[in-house]
Amino acid sequence: MSTVSPAKSAVEKRTNARYWIVVMLFIVTSFNYGDRATLSIAGTSMARDIGLDPIGMGYIFSAFSWAYVIGQIPGGWLLDRFGSKRVYFCSIFIWSLFTLLQGFVDVFDGFGIVIALFTLRFLVGLAEAPSFPGNSRIVAAWFPAQERGTAVAIFNSAQYFATVIFAPIMGWLTSAVGWAHVFWFMGGLGIILSFVWLKVIHDPNDHPGVNKAELEYIEQGGALINMDKKKEERKVGWDEKMFQIRQLISSRMMLGIYLGQYCVNALTYFFITWFPLYLVNERGMSILKAGFVASIPAVCGFIGGVLGGVISDMLMRKTGSLNIARKTPIVVGMLMSISMVVCIYVDTEWVVVFFMALAFLGKGIGALGWAVMADTAPKEISGLSGGLFNMFGNASGIVTPIAIGYIIATTGSYNGALVYVGIHAFVAAFSFLFITGDIKRFELKPMHKDPL
């Protein structure tokens, strides 16, 4: 970090290095979701080749989330222990490698393909576990409270951008040269991206492009700029860690946030797993067409994602209330998402796309869970707290694909799946509105030990 005199700092123009940080988070998160969606695009062709029914496909879809959930607390601990930059680099490199290897599962025969695919999807989930807690930590370190909603919305909206960009490409690859090339393409680019990450990402105090004016601005706004600074601290034992975790899961505010995120993620996992198959199997589209059509609602989701963050920060500046700023877009967005249920009653293709696009738009506007987490996570255990939040949220990634698989297999229709997801949107709005209570930074209580 360059040293700048106070006199010069008072008149110098503030740098904006934090904007480039969030751009990198956006790019990495786009690949993160692109790698998660590979199976949904290549899934129809793969299922035909290896003979998977909807229930079997549901379990394969869920493999990622089993590991993703299991890895959240260890991933959060690693982030707090070794810092965001190093842990995230390893995460990107490893998940991209396992994505690439999925293109070779056909070297096995019969059930061996299923085992190999489930295992590799499991390992991708495990490697991606630190990603969103890492995003949250980096935003908490780089952005003041009045900009945090927009920053989170930008990286969170990458899930829709990933569909816009990668779904047509992956659909074309599957149609033109075969499903294996989807995994080779995404995995190879991800490995390259991991080394770009090392060049771009720095802690606020170490960034070569930040000046003192920017550092003072973000710190005064509540950014935790010294989060990863090495300092002498007493070691925290596992019993104290568990005491901290118990405090989080016994808090009404945190439980409301966890339940809300679980329900929001039910929408996310429907869109990145079963939605392209819904277009193919229920609406009769080709794989290639489904890849392009899926990008239309995703564009709306991307717009909604950015819009939700902008609205949230605007409300924060006008009212100074985190409750109004965060809850308003979440509740409105989730109620908009319920509109997907209308698709049960219409047959016209463009009308189906319209209501799915409206649901995507609402889901994007309401996807502010990570902004709420950055607002509430205890500063001592930001990574661990984010990991716990993501563990609860992504438990939905285990349940939702399997539940929808059973619904489709039992009813022979996707109608029950749309109702299932719509109900989750309603519960998400209810949870943030009535259960969470006041949104504020969670203060940990010290653990008192009995004197010897």
Protein backbone atom coordinates (compact mmCIF):
# COMPACT_ATOMS: atom_id res chain seq x y z
CA MET A 1 0.00 0.00 0.00
CA SER A 2 1.37 3.41 -0.94
CA THR A 3 1.85 5.99 1.80
CA VAL A 4 0.05 9.29 1.26
CA SER A 5 0.34 12.41 3.40
CA PRO A 6 -2.83 13.67 5.15
CA ALA A 7 -2.72 16.95 3.22
CA LYS A 8 -2.55 15.20 -0.11
CA SER A 9 -5.21 12.68 0.99
CA ALA A 10 -7.60 15.55 1.69
CA VAL A 11 -7.53 16.77 -1.92
CA GLU A 12 -6.64 13.68 -3.94
CA LYS A 13 -9.28 11.98 -6.01
CA ARG A 14 -10.53 8.76 -4.47
CA THR A 15 -9.61 5.60 -6.35
CA ASN A 16 -12.20 2.95 -7.17
CA ALA A 17 -10.22 -0.27 -6.89
CA ARG A 18 -13.20 -1.90 -5.17
CA TYR A 19 -15.15 -1.83 -8.44
CA TRP A 20 -12.56 -4.04 -10.13
CA ILE A 21 -12.76 -6.42 -7.17
CA VAL A 22 -16.50 -6.88 -7.66
CA VAL A 23 -16.00 -7.31 -11.42
CA MET A 24 -13.67 -10.22 -10.68
CA LEU A 25 -16.18 -11.69 -8.23
CA PHE A 26 -18.82 -11.42 -10.95
CA ILE A 27 -16.66 -13.25 -13.50
CA VAL A 28 -15.67 -16.02 -11.09
CA THR A 29 -19.26 -16.49 -9.91
CA SER A 30 -20.40 -16.72 -13.54
CA PHE A 31 -18.05 -19.67 -14.04
CA ASN A 32 -19.14 -21.07 -10.68
CA TYR A 33 -22.76 -21.25 -11.83
CA GLY A 34 -21.78 -22.22 -15.36
CA ASP A 35 -20.04 -25.30 -13.99
CA ARG A 36 -23.07 -26.13 -11.83
CA ALA A 37 -25.35 -25.88 -14.90
CA THR A 38 -23.26 -28.08 -17.19
CA LEU A 39 -25.26 -31.17 -16.27
CA SER A 40 -28.63 -29.50 -16.79
CA ILE A 41 -27.71 -28.57 -20.37
CA ALA A 42 -25.91 -31.82 -21.24
CA GLY A 43 -28.27 -33.85 -19.03
CA THR A 44 -30.84 -34.94 -21.62
CA SER A 45 -28.18 -36.30 -23.97
CA MET A 46 -26.20 -37.88 -21.12
CA ALA A 47 -29.30 -39.46 -19.55
CA ARG A 48 -30.18 -41.04 -22.87
CA ASP A 49 -26.64 -42.42 -23.27
CA ILE A 50 -26.37 -43.87 -19.75
CA GLY A 51 -30.05 -44.78 -19.22
CA LEU A 52 -30.98 -42.54 -16.28
CA ASP A 53 -34.65 -42.02 -15.31
CA PRO A 54 -35.90 -38.76 -13.64
CA ILE A 55 -35.30 -40.11 -10.11
CA GLY A 56 -31.74 -41.14 -10.97
CA MET A 57 -31.16 -37.77 -12.62
CA GLY A 58 -32.44 -36.05 -9.48
CA TYR A 59 -29.84 -37.87 -7.37
CA ILE A 60 -27.07 -36.98 -9.83
CA PHE A 61 -28.20 -33.33 -9.74
CA SER A 62 -28.12 -33.44 -5.93
CA ALA A 63 -24.57 -34.85 -5.73
CA PHE A 64 -23.13 -31.35 -6.01
CA SER A 65 -25.21 -30.03 -3.14
CA TRP A 66 -24.46 -32.90 -0.75
CA ALA A 67 -20.80 -31.99 -0.89
CA TYR A 68 -21.46 -28.25 -1.09
CA VAL A 69 -23.43 -28.36 2.16
CA ILE A 70 -20.90 -30.63 3.90
CA GLY A 71 -18.06 -28.31 2.90
CA GLN A 72 -19.56 -25.05 4.11
CA ILE A 73 -18.33 -24.98 7.72
CA PRO A 74 -14.83 -26.35 6.87
CA GLY A 75 -14.70 -23.92 3.93
CA GLY A 76 -15.64 -20.99 6.14
CA TRP A 77 -13.03 -22.01 8.69
CA LEU A 78 -10.36 -22.20 5.96
CA LEU A 79 -11.27 -18.69 4.78
CA ASP A 80 -10.96 -17.29 8.31
CA ARG A 81 -7.71 -19.19 8.87
CA PHE A 82 -5.85 -18.62 5.58
CA GLY A 83 -7.62 -15.65 3.99
CA SER A 84 -9.92 -15.25 1.00
CA LYS A 85 -7.34 -14.93 -1.77
CA ARG A 86 -5.43 -18.18 -1.27
CA VAL A 87 -8.39 -20.38 -0.35
CA TYR A 88 -10.49 -19.08 -3.23
CA PHE A 89 -7.69 -19.69 -5.75
CA CYS A 90 -7.47 -23.33 -4.68
CA SER A 91 -11.25 -23.57 -4.86
CA ILE A 92 -11.48 -22.26 -8.45
CA PHE A 93 -8.62 -24.44 -9.70
CA ILE A 94 -9.89 -27.66 -8.12
CA TRP A 95 -13.57 -27.29 -9.07
CA SER A 96 -12.55 -26.49 -12.66
CA LEU A 97 -10.34 -29.58 -12.79
CA PHE A 98 -13.16 -31.85 -11.60
CA THR A 99 -15.55 -30.21 -14.08
CA LEU A 100 -13.14 -30.97 -16.91
CA LEU A 101 -12.80 -34.60 -15.81
CA GLN A 102 -16.58 -35.12 -16.12
CA GLY A 103 -16.06 -35.12 -19.87
CA PHE A 104 -14.23 -38.44 -19.55
CA VAL A 105 -16.82 -40.44 -17.56
CA ASP A 106 -17.74 -42.46 -20.65
CA VAL A 107 -14.47 -44.37 -20.31
CA PHE A 108 -16.41 -46.41 -17.74
CA ASP A 109 -19.16 -48.88 -18.53
CA GLY A 110 -22.72 -49.19 -17.26
CA PHE A 111 -23.23 -48.25 -13.64
CA GLY A 112 -19.58 -47.21 -13.42
CA ILE A 113 -20.47 -44.09 -15.41
CA VAL A 114 -23.13 -43.17 -12.85
CA ILE A 115 -20.70 -43.68 -9.96
CA ALA A 116 -17.98 -41.64 -11.69
CA LEU A 117 -20.39 -38.82 -12.55
CA PHE A 118 -21.86 -38.70 -9.04
CA THR A 119 -18.35 -38.71 -7.52
CA LEU A 120 -17.05 -35.91 -9.74
CA ARG A 121 -20.16 -33.79 -9.18
CA PHE A 122 -19.69 -34.39 -5.44
CA LEU A 123 -16.07 -33.22 -5.65
CA VAL A 124 -17.05 -30.12 -7.63
CA GLY A 125 -19.50 -29.25 -4.84
CA LEU A 126 -16.84 -29.78 -2.18
CA ALA A 127 -14.35 -27.56 -4.03
CA GLU A 128 -16.93 -24.80 -4.57
CA ALA A 129 -17.92 -24.69 -0.89
CA PRO A 130 -15.73 -21.65 0.04
CA SER A 131 -16.87 -19.59 -2.96
CA PHE A 132 -19.88 -17.67 -1.67
CA PRO A 133 -18.60 -17.26 1.91
CA GLY A 134 -15.45 -15.96 0.19
CA ASN A 135 -17.51 -13.52 -1.89
CA SER A 136 -19.24 -12.30 1.26
CA ARG A 137 -15.94 -11.81 3.12
CA ILE A 138 -14.40 -9.89 0.22
CA VAL A 139 -17.43 -7.61 -0.11
CA ALA A 140 -17.46 -7.02 3.66
CA ALA A 141 -13.76 -6.09 3.47
CA TRP A 142 -14.02 -3.82 0.42
CA PHE A 143 -17.45 -2.13 0.47
CA PRO A 144 -19.15 0.32 2.85
CA ALA A 145 -22.69 -0.51 3.96
CA GLN A 146 -24.29 1.96 1.55
CA GLU A 147 -22.71 0.17 -1.45
CA ARG A 148 -22.83 -3.38 -0.17
CA GLY A 149 -26.25 -4.29 -1.54
CA THR A 150 -25.24 -3.36 -5.07
CA ALA A 151 -21.90 -5.18 -4.78
CA VAL A 152 -23.59 -8.36 -3.56
CA ALA A 153 -26.31 -8.06 -6.20
CA ILE A 154 -23.68 -7.78 -8.93
CA PHE A 155 -21.83 -10.97 -8.03
CA ASN A 156 -25.08 -12.76 -7.16
CA SER A 157 -26.62 -11.82 -10.52
CA ALA A 158 -23.79 -13.72 -12.18
CA GLN A 159 -25.89 -16.88 -11.82
CA TYR A 160 -28.26 -15.46 -14.45
CA PHE A 161 -25.47 -14.05 -16.59
CA ALA A 162 -23.93 -17.52 -16.58
CA THR A 163 -27.13 -18.88 -18.12
CA VAL A 164 -27.28 -16.05 -20.67
CA ILE A 165 -23.70 -16.62 -21.81
CA PHE A 166 -23.03 -20.30 -21.21
CA ALA A 167 -26.42 -21.99 -21.83
CA PRO A 168 -26.43 -21.21 -25.58
CA ILE A 169 -22.76 -22.20 -25.88
CA MET A 170 -23.25 -25.42 -23.96
CA GLY A 171 -26.44 -26.18 -25.87
CA TRP A 172 -24.58 -25.72 -29.17
CA LEU A 173 -21.63 -27.86 -28.01
CA THR A 174 -23.96 -30.67 -26.92
CA SER A 175 -25.86 -30.55 -30.21
CA ALA A 176 -22.88 -30.11 -32.52
CA VAL A 177 -19.99 -32.10 -31.03
CA GLY A 178 -21.34 -34.00 -28.00
CA TRP A 179 -21.92 -33.48 -24.28
CA ALA A 180 -18.32 -34.21 -23.23
CA HIS A 181 -17.11 -30.99 -24.84
CA VAL A 182 -19.31 -28.96 -22.45
CA PHE A 183 -17.23 -30.15 -19.49
CA TRP A 184 -13.89 -29.75 -21.28
CA PHE A 185 -14.75 -26.20 -22.33
CA MET A 186 -15.94 -25.00 -18.91
CA GLY A 187 -13.24 -26.80 -16.94
CA GLY A 188 -10.38 -25.60 -19.13
CA LEU A 189 -11.44 -21.94 -19.00
CA GLY A 190 -11.91 -22.18 -15.23
CA ILE A 191 -8.34 -23.40 -14.69
CA ILE A 192 -7.04 -20.38 -16.62
CA LEU A 193 -9.31 -18.09 -14.60
CA SER A 194 -7.86 -19.34 -11.30
CA PHE A 195 -4.47 -17.84 -12.19
CA VAL A 196 -6.06 -14.55 -13.26
CA TRP A 197 -7.62 -14.44 -9.77
CA LEU A 198 -4.17 -14.42 -8.15
CA LYS A 199 -3.19 -11.35 -10.17
CA VAL A 200 -6.36 -9.33 -9.58
CA ILE A 201 -7.48 -10.01 -5.98
CA HIS A 202 -5.75 -8.33 -3.02
CA ASP A 203 -6.67 -7.28 0.51
CA PRO A 204 -7.63 -3.57 0.71
CA ASN A 205 -4.40 -2.61 2.49
CA ASP A 206 -2.24 -4.49 -0.03
CA HIS A 207 -3.91 -3.53 -3.30
CA PRO A 208 -1.51 -1.63 -5.60
CA GLY A 209 -4.36 0.42 -7.08
CA VAL A 210 -5.98 1.75 -3.90
CA ASN A 211 -5.15 5.07 -2.28
CA LYS A 212 -5.66 6.36 1.23
CA ALA A 213 -8.81 8.28 0.32
CA GLU A 214 -10.55 5.13 -0.84
CA LEU A 215 -9.37 3.17 2.18
CA GLU A 216 -10.70 5.84 4.54
CA TYR A 217 -14.01 6.00 2.66
CA ILE A 218 -14.72 2.29 2.79
CA GLU A 219 -13.51 1.90 6.38
CA GLN A 220 -15.68 4.78 7.61
CA GLY A 221 -18.63 3.11 5.86
CA GLY A 222 -18.16 -0.08 7.85
CA ALA A 223 -15.84 -2.13 5.60
CA LEU A 224 -13.67 -4.60 7.53
CA ILE A 225 -10.45 -3.67 5.73
CA ASN A 226 -8.18 -5.52 8.18
CA MET A 227 -10.14 -8.78 8.08
CA ASP A 228 -7.26 -10.89 6.74
CA LYS A 229 -4.42 -8.90 8.29
CA LYS A 230 -2.13 -11.20 10.24
CA LYS A 231 -2.18 -10.47 13.94
CA GLU A 232 -1.39 -12.22 17.14
CA GLU A 233 -4.53 -13.77 18.52
CA ARG A 234 -5.26 -16.44 21.01
CA LYS A 235 -6.19 -19.75 19.48
CA VAL A 236 -9.89 -20.55 19.57
CA GLY A 237 -10.59 -24.16 20.51
CA TRP A 238 -13.21 -26.34 18.90
CA ASP A 239 -15.43 -26.12 21.98
CA GLU A 240 -15.49 -22.33 21.64
CA LYS A 241 -16.20 -22.58 17.91
CA MET A 242 -19.17 -24.80 18.68
CA PHE A 243 -20.29 -22.28 21.31
CA GLN A 244 -20.19 -19.56 18.64
CA ILE A 245 -22.14 -21.72 16.18
CA ARG A 246 -24.77 -22.48 18.82
CA GLN A 247 -25.23 -18.76 19.36
CA LEU A 248 -25.91 -18.27 15.65
CA ILE A 249 -28.40 -21.11 15.29
CA SER A 250 -30.29 -20.08 18.45
CA SER A 251 -30.81 -16.53 17.18
CA ARG A 252 -34.27 -15.77 15.76
CA MET A 253 -32.74 -13.28 13.33
CA MET A 254 -30.26 -15.80 11.96
CA LEU A 255 -32.82 -18.62 11.80
CA GLY A 256 -35.15 -16.39 9.80
CA ILE A 257 -32.31 -15.58 7.42
CA TYR A 258 -31.37 -19.28 7.10
CA LEU A 259 -34.96 -20.35 6.35
CA GLY A 260 -35.39 -17.53 3.85
CA GLN A 261 -32.19 -18.47 2.03
CA TYR A 262 -33.21 -22.14 1.96
CA CYS A 263 -36.44 -21.20 0.19
CA VAL A 264 -34.76 -18.73 -2.19
CA ASN A 265 -32.33 -21.47 -3.19
CA ALA A 266 -35.21 -23.80 -4.03
CA LEU A 267 -35.90 -21.41 -6.91
CA THR A 268 -32.21 -21.25 -7.78
CA TYR A 269 -31.81 -25.01 -7.97
CA PHE A 270 -34.98 -25.47 -10.00
CA PHE A 271 -33.66 -22.99 -12.53
CA ILE A 272 -30.16 -24.49 -12.79
CA THR A 273 -31.20 -28.15 -12.76
CA TRP A 274 -34.74 -28.95 -13.95
CA PHE A 275 -35.69 -25.81 -15.89
CA PRO A 276 -33.89 -26.68 -19.16
CA LEU A 277 -35.30 -30.22 -18.91
CA TYR A 278 -38.76 -28.70 -18.32
CA LEU A 279 -38.41 -26.85 -21.62
CA VAL A 280 -37.33 -30.03 -23.43
CA ASN A 281 -39.60 -32.63 -21.83
CA GLU A 282 -42.72 -30.64 -20.92
CA ARG A 283 -42.68 -28.00 -23.65
CA GLY A 284 -41.19 -30.11 -26.45
CA MET A 285 -38.22 -27.91 -27.32
CA SER A 286 -34.98 -29.23 -28.80
CA ILE A 287 -31.86 -29.15 -26.62
CA LEU A 288 -30.42 -26.39 -28.79
CA LYS A 289 -33.60 -24.28 -28.60
CA ALA A 290 -33.93 -24.88 -24.86
CA GLY A 291 -30.40 -23.54 -24.36
CA PHE A 292 -31.30 -20.30 -26.11
CA VAL A 293 -34.81 -19.98 -24.62
CA ALA A 294 -33.44 -20.54 -21.10
CA SER A 295 -31.27 -17.46 -21.60
CA ILE A 296 -34.32 -15.16 -22.01
CA PRO A 297 -35.64 -15.48 -18.43
CA ALA A 298 -32.02 -15.46 -17.28
CA VAL A 299 -31.52 -12.00 -18.81
CA CYS A 300 -34.49 -10.84 -16.72
CA GLY A 301 -32.95 -12.50 -13.65
CA PHE A 302 -29.69 -10.67 -14.28
CA ILE A 303 -31.48 -7.33 -14.64
CA GLY A 304 -33.51 -8.07 -11.50
CA GLY A 305 -30.39 -9.04 -9.59
CA VAL A 306 -28.63 -5.75 -10.29
CA LEU A 307 -31.86 -3.78 -9.84
CA GLY A 308 -32.49 -5.38 -6.44
CA GLY A 309 -29.10 -4.28 -5.16
CA VAL A 310 -29.45 -0.75 -6.54
CA ILE A 311 -32.93 -0.38 -4.99
CA SER A 312 -31.66 -1.76 -1.68
CA ASP A 313 -28.75 0.68 -1.48
CA MET A 314 -30.99 3.57 -2.57
CA LEU A 315 -33.40 2.73 0.25
CA MET A 316 -30.43 2.47 2.63
CA ARG A 317 -29.25 5.97 1.73
CA LYS A 318 -32.75 7.46 1.97
CA THR A 319 -33.96 5.74 5.15
CA GLY A 320 -30.81 4.59 6.95
CA SER A 321 -32.72 1.41 7.81
CA LEU A 322 -31.30 -1.99 6.97
CA ASN A 323 -34.73 -3.50 7.55
CA ILE A 324 -36.41 -1.38 4.87
CA ALA A 325 -33.43 -1.52 2.52
CA ARG A 326 -33.01 -5.30 2.53
CA LYS A 327 -36.48 -6.66 3.24
CA THR A 328 -38.45 -4.61 0.70
CA PRO A 329 -36.72 -5.99 -2.44
CA ILE A 330 -36.64 -9.53 -0.98
CA VAL A 331 -40.37 -9.66 -0.20
CA VAL A 332 -41.50 -7.99 -3.44
CA GLY A 333 -39.17 -10.18 -5.51
CA MET A 334 -40.29 -13.44 -3.93
CA LEU A 335 -43.98 -12.57 -4.43
CA MET A 336 -43.21 -11.89 -8.11
CA SER A 337 -41.55 -15.32 -8.39
CA ILE A 338 -44.81 -17.08 -7.51
CA SER A 339 -46.03 -16.08 -10.99
CA MET A 340 -44.33 -19.18 -12.46
CA VAL A 341 -47.33 -21.21 -11.25
CA VAL A 342 -49.38 -19.55 -14.01
CA CYS A 343 -47.40 -21.67 -16.52
CA ILE A 344 -49.49 -24.67 -15.41
CA TYR A 345 -52.55 -23.12 -17.04
CA VAL A 346 -51.11 -21.87 -20.34
CA ASP A 347 -49.93 -23.67 -23.48
CA THR A 348 -48.64 -20.83 -25.65
CA GLU A 349 -44.86 -20.93 -25.70
CA TRP A 350 -44.25 -17.19 -25.52
CA VAL A 351 -46.63 -16.85 -22.55
CA VAL A 352 -44.73 -19.58 -20.69
CA VAL A 353 -41.46 -17.78 -21.38
CA PHE A 354 -43.02 -14.47 -20.23
CA PHE A 355 -44.11 -15.80 -16.84
CA MET A 356 -40.83 -17.65 -16.31
CA ALA A 357 -39.04 -14.41 -17.16
CA LEU A 358 -41.20 -12.55 -14.62
CA ALA A 359 -40.36 -15.19 -12.00
CA PHE A 360 -36.65 -14.88 -12.84
CA LEU A 361 -36.90 -11.08 -12.56
CA GLY A 362 -38.49 -11.37 -9.12
CA LYS A 363 -36.00 -13.97 -7.97
CA GLY A 364 -33.17 -11.67 -9.03
CA ILE A 365 -34.63 -8.65 -7.20
CA GLY A 366 -35.12 -10.70 -4.04
CA ALA A 367 -31.74 -12.46 -4.01
CA LEU A 368 -30.18 -10.25 -1.33
CA GLY A 369 -29.44 -12.96 1.22
CA TRP A 370 -25.69 -12.45 0.92
CA ALA A 371 -26.08 -8.71 1.48
CA VAL A 372 -27.98 -9.53 4.66
CA MET A 373 -25.20 -11.93 5.62
CA ALA A 374 -22.53 -9.28 5.05
CA ASP A 375 -24.62 -6.96 7.28
CA THR A 376 -25.10 -9.48 10.10
CA ALA A 377 -22.07 -11.83 10.21
CA PRO A 378 -19.95 -11.49 13.39
CA LYS A 379 -16.66 -9.86 12.45
CA GLU A 380 -14.66 -12.51 14.34
CA ILE A 381 -16.03 -15.42 12.30
CA SER A 382 -17.17 -13.87 9.02
CA GLY A 383 -16.14 -16.88 6.93
CA LEU A 384 -17.56 -19.47 9.32
CA SER A 385 -20.81 -17.51 9.63
CA GLY A 386 -21.11 -17.29 5.84
CA GLY A 387 -20.41 -21.00 5.59
CA LEU A 388 -23.17 -21.81 8.08
CA PHE A 389 -25.60 -19.56 6.19
CA ASN A 390 -24.67 -21.20 2.88
CA MET A 391 -24.96 -24.68 4.43
CA PHE A 392 -28.57 -24.08 5.43
CA GLY A 393 -29.35 -22.37 2.14
CA ASN A 394 -27.87 -25.07 -0.03
CA ALA A 395 -29.51 -27.91 1.85
CA SER A 396 -32.23 -26.91 -0.57
CA GLY A 397 -29.92 -27.98 -3.37
CA ILE A 398 -30.07 -31.52 -1.98
CA VAL A 399 -33.80 -31.62 -1.35
CA THR A 400 -35.14 -29.69 -4.36
CA PRO A 401 -33.72 -31.74 -7.28
CA ILE A 402 -34.68 -35.04 -5.61
CA ALA A 403 -38.15 -33.84 -4.59
CA ILE A 404 -38.86 -32.57 -8.09
CA GLY A 405 -37.56 -35.83 -9.57
CA TYR A 406 -40.05 -37.78 -7.44
CA ILE A 407 -42.87 -35.36 -8.30
CA ILE A 408 -42.22 -35.76 -12.03
CA ALA A 409 -41.85 -39.55 -11.79
CA THR A 410 -45.05 -39.88 -9.74
CA THR A 411 -47.29 -37.48 -11.68
CA GLY A 412 -45.71 -37.61 -15.14
CA SER A 413 -45.86 -33.81 -15.20
CA TYR A 414 -43.89 -30.74 -14.13
CA ASN A 415 -46.99 -28.97 -12.75
CA GLY A 416 -46.39 -30.18 -9.20
CA ALA A 417 -42.78 -29.01 -9.46
CA LEU A 418 -43.90 -25.46 -10.29
CA VAL A 419 -46.26 -25.44 -7.29
CA TYR A 420 -43.48 -26.80 -5.08
CA VAL A 421 -41.14 -23.97 -6.08
CA GLY A 422 -43.89 -21.33 -5.84
CA ILE A 423 -44.65 -22.32 -2.25
CA HIS A 424 -40.98 -21.88 -1.38
CA ALA A 425 -41.04 -18.34 -2.81
CA PHE A 426 -43.97 -17.49 -0.52
CA VAL A 427 -42.26 -18.95 2.56
CA ALA A 428 -39.07 -16.98 1.77
CA ALA A 429 -41.02 -13.72 1.77
CA PHE A 430 -42.80 -14.70 5.00
CA SER A 431 -39.54 -15.61 6.73
CA PHE A 432 -37.70 -12.37 5.98
CA LEU A 433 -40.79 -10.29 6.74
CA PHE A 434 -42.05 -11.89 9.97
CA ILE A 435 -39.37 -14.17 11.45
CA THR A 436 -36.06 -12.37 10.95
CA GLY A 437 -36.84 -9.24 12.95
CA ASP A 438 -34.29 -6.40 12.99
CA ILE A 439 -31.29 -6.82 10.69
CA LYS A 440 -28.08 -5.84 12.50
CA ARG A 441 -24.52 -7.04 13.10
CA PHE A 442 -24.60 -10.12 15.32
CA GLU A 443 -22.51 -9.70 18.46
CA LEU A 444 -20.95 -12.88 19.84
CA LYS A 445 -20.96 -13.46 23.57
CA PRO A 446 -17.66 -14.57 25.11
CA MET A 447 -17.37 -18.12 26.36
CA HIS A 448 -16.95 -18.15 30.13
CA LYS A 449 -14.91 -20.99 31.53
CA ASP A 450 -15.11 -22.12 35.11
CA PRO A 451 -12.01 -21.12 37.09
CA LEU A 452 -9.71 -23.91 38.17
